Protein backbone atom coordinates (compact mmCIF):
# COMPACT_ATOMS: atom_id res chain seq x y z
CA MET A 1 0.00 0.00 0.00
CA SER A 2 1.98 2.98 -1.20
CA HIS A 3 -0.95 5.20 -2.05
CA GLU A 4 -2.34 8.14 -0.19
CA VAL A 5 -4.92 7.26 2.45
CA MET A 6 -7.52 9.97 2.95
CA LEU A 7 -8.71 10.40 6.52
CA SER A 8 -10.87 12.89 8.33
CA GLU A 9 -9.22 14.60 11.28
CA GLU A 10 -11.48 12.53 13.58
CA GLY A 11 -10.45 9.31 11.82
CA PHE A 12 -6.75 10.20 12.05
CA ILE A 13 -7.01 10.83 15.80
CA LYS A 14 -8.92 7.55 16.30
CA LEU A 15 -6.25 5.54 14.42
CA LYS A 16 -3.43 7.29 16.28
CA LYS A 17 -5.04 6.41 19.65
CA GLU A 18 -5.53 2.79 18.57
CA LEU A 19 -1.89 2.57 17.45
CA GLU A 20 -0.65 4.00 20.76
CA PHE A 21 -2.81 1.50 22.68
CA LEU A 22 -1.61 -1.45 20.57
CA LYS A 23 2.07 -0.48 20.86
CA GLY A 24 1.79 0.11 24.62
CA PRO A 25 -0.69 -1.69 26.88
CA GLU A 26 -1.81 -4.32 24.35
CA ARG A 27 1.75 -5.33 23.39
CA GLN A 28 2.55 -5.65 27.09
CA ARG A 29 -0.54 -7.78 27.73
CA VAL A 30 0.34 -10.16 24.87
CA ALA A 31 3.94 -10.44 26.09
CA ASN A 32 2.64 -11.28 29.58
CA ASP A 33 0.34 -13.95 28.10
CA ILE A 34 3.32 -15.53 26.30
CA ARG A 35 5.43 -15.49 29.49
CA GLU A 36 2.55 -17.05 31.45
CA ALA A 37 2.05 -19.77 28.82
CA LYS A 38 5.79 -20.57 28.72
CA SER A 39 5.75 -21.15 32.46
CA HIS A 40 3.34 -24.06 31.90
CA GLY A 41 6.08 -26.22 30.41
CA ASP A 42 6.30 -28.19 27.14
CA LEU A 43 5.70 -25.67 24.31
CA ARG A 44 4.95 -28.28 21.63
CA GLU A 45 1.64 -29.27 23.20
CA ASN A 46 0.88 -26.02 24.99
CA ALA A 47 -2.32 -24.62 23.42
CA MET A 48 -2.15 -21.52 25.59
CA TYR A 49 1.34 -20.73 24.24
CA HIS A 50 0.32 -21.28 20.60
CA GLU A 51 -2.74 -19.06 21.03
CA ALA A 52 -0.64 -16.32 22.66
CA LYS A 53 1.88 -16.45 19.79
CA LEU A 54 -0.97 -16.28 17.25
CA ASN A 55 -2.36 -13.23 19.07
CA GLN A 56 1.10 -11.68 18.95
CA ARG A 57 1.33 -12.19 15.17
CA ARG A 58 -2.13 -10.65 14.69
CA LEU A 59 -1.22 -7.69 16.91
CA GLU A 60 2.05 -7.03 15.07
CA ALA A 61 0.26 -7.27 11.69
CA ARG A 62 -2.34 -4.70 12.82
CA ILE A 63 0.40 -2.41 14.14
CA ALA A 64 2.22 -2.68 10.79
CA ASP A 65 -1.03 -1.85 8.90
CA LEU A 66 -1.69 1.18 11.09
CA ASP A 67 1.93 2.37 10.84
CA ARG A 68 1.70 2.16 7.04
CA THR A 69 -1.63 3.96 7.04
CA MET A 70 -0.30 6.76 9.23
CA GLN A 71 2.72 7.09 6.93
CA PHE A 72 0.53 7.65 3.87
CA ALA A 73 -2.32 9.46 5.64
CA ARG A 74 -3.60 12.73 4.29
CA ILE A 75 -5.99 14.56 6.56
CA VAL A 76 -8.71 16.20 4.50
CA LYS A 77 -9.67 19.49 6.10
CA GLU A 78 -13.10 21.15 5.86
CA ASP A 79 -11.82 24.15 3.87
CA GLU A 80 -10.48 21.87 1.11
CA ILE A 81 -13.95 20.62 0.29
CA GLU A 82 -16.04 22.45 -2.29
CA GLU A 83 -19.52 23.26 -0.99
CA GLY A 84 -22.25 21.05 -2.49
CA VAL A 85 -19.84 18.43 -3.83
CA ALA A 86 -19.64 14.93 -2.32
CA HIS A 87 -16.27 14.38 -0.68
CA LEU A 88 -14.63 12.73 2.34
CA GLY A 89 -16.70 13.66 5.38
CA SER A 90 -19.84 14.47 3.40
CA THR A 91 -23.21 13.12 4.46
CA ILE A 92 -25.20 12.17 1.37
CA LYS A 93 -28.87 11.40 1.00
CA LEU A 94 -29.49 8.96 -1.86
CA LYS A 95 -32.62 7.67 -3.53
CA ASP A 96 -32.58 4.18 -5.01
CA LEU A 97 -34.15 4.74 -8.44
CA GLN A 98 -35.43 1.16 -8.73
CA TRP A 99 -36.97 0.70 -5.28
CA LYS A 100 -37.54 4.39 -4.45
CA ASP A 101 -35.96 3.86 -1.01
CA GLU A 102 -33.94 6.67 0.49
CA MET A 103 -30.77 6.21 2.52
CA VAL A 104 -28.19 8.44 4.13
CA ILE A 105 -24.49 7.61 4.05
CA GLN A 106 -21.35 9.33 5.23
CA LEU A 107 -18.20 9.16 3.09
CA VAL A 108 -15.17 8.20 5.18
CA GLY A 109 -11.62 6.94 4.68
CA GLU A 110 -11.21 3.21 4.16
CA PHE A 111 -10.00 2.62 7.74
CA GLU A 112 -13.03 4.47 9.13
CA ALA A 113 -15.63 2.54 7.13
CA ASP A 114 -18.45 0.83 9.05
CA PRO A 115 -21.44 -0.17 6.91
CA ASN A 116 -23.47 -0.85 10.08
CA GLU A 117 -23.22 2.87 10.86
CA ASP A 118 -23.71 3.88 7.20
CA LYS A 119 -20.09 5.02 7.04
CA ILE A 120 -19.03 4.14 3.50
CA SER A 121 -15.41 4.14 2.33
CA VAL A 122 -14.44 6.53 -0.47
CA THR A 123 -12.67 3.53 -2.05
CA SER A 124 -15.79 1.31 -2.11
CA PRO A 125 -17.84 1.06 -5.33
CA LEU A 126 -20.59 3.29 -3.87
CA GLY A 127 -18.06 5.72 -2.40
CA GLN A 128 -16.20 6.03 -5.70
CA ALA A 129 -19.45 6.58 -7.61
CA VAL A 130 -20.60 9.34 -5.23
CA MET A 131 -17.26 11.21 -4.91
CA GLU A 132 -17.19 14.61 -6.63
CA GLN A 133 -20.91 14.41 -7.53
CA LYS A 134 -23.54 17.08 -6.85
CA VAL A 135 -27.19 17.18 -5.78
CA GLY A 136 -29.40 16.00 -8.64
CA ASP A 137 -26.70 13.82 -10.21
CA GLU A 138 -27.54 10.20 -10.92
CA ILE A 139 -24.92 7.54 -10.28
CA GLU A 140 -24.56 3.87 -11.13
CA VAL A 141 -22.94 1.33 -8.84
CA GLN A 142 -21.92 -2.17 -9.89
CA ALA A 143 -23.22 -4.50 -7.17
CA PRO A 144 -23.38 -8.30 -6.89
CA ALA A 145 -27.08 -8.13 -7.81
CA GLY A 146 -26.34 -5.98 -10.88
CA VAL A 147 -26.16 -2.26 -11.54
CA GLN A 148 -27.88 -0.08 -8.95
CA LYS A 149 -28.89 3.48 -9.82
CA TYR A 150 -29.20 6.31 -7.31
CA GLU A 151 -30.06 9.98 -7.39
CA ILE A 152 -28.23 12.31 -5.01
CA LEU A 153 -30.91 14.20 -3.07
CA ASP A 154 -28.75 16.14 -0.59
CA ILE A 155 -25.11 16.68 0.44
CA THR A 156 -24.08 18.13 3.79
CA ARG A 157 -20.94 18.17 5.88
């Protein structure tokens, strides 16, 4: 991943706090778990030890991901965003042109995405289709069920 990662200021702070926690207290906890498991003897058949080592590998992989993200992070500030144009941080009201349903999404950086909270990554198919669009524009999104068409009803920050 050597490309720029767009983040809101809020998202950047959240990732920075997670990284500090993982590098500090969480790393210490995992190291303690490994020490504890080692004290139980034979490592070849020690499930507790193998689980602790697996947790350590997962932790270090997450730390590496976050370090890389922070290295390529670009915080998008409010004054960079053109009024009325969908961009990182925008809240967008969409109307499904087939089913006439309306939905509201917020465009966020890929590490901030949470579909359960309607936070959609700018790198997702829907996020890419909405980026740089204006109210009244119609967009098409390639989905597993086929092409979905939406009209942008409103854009706010």
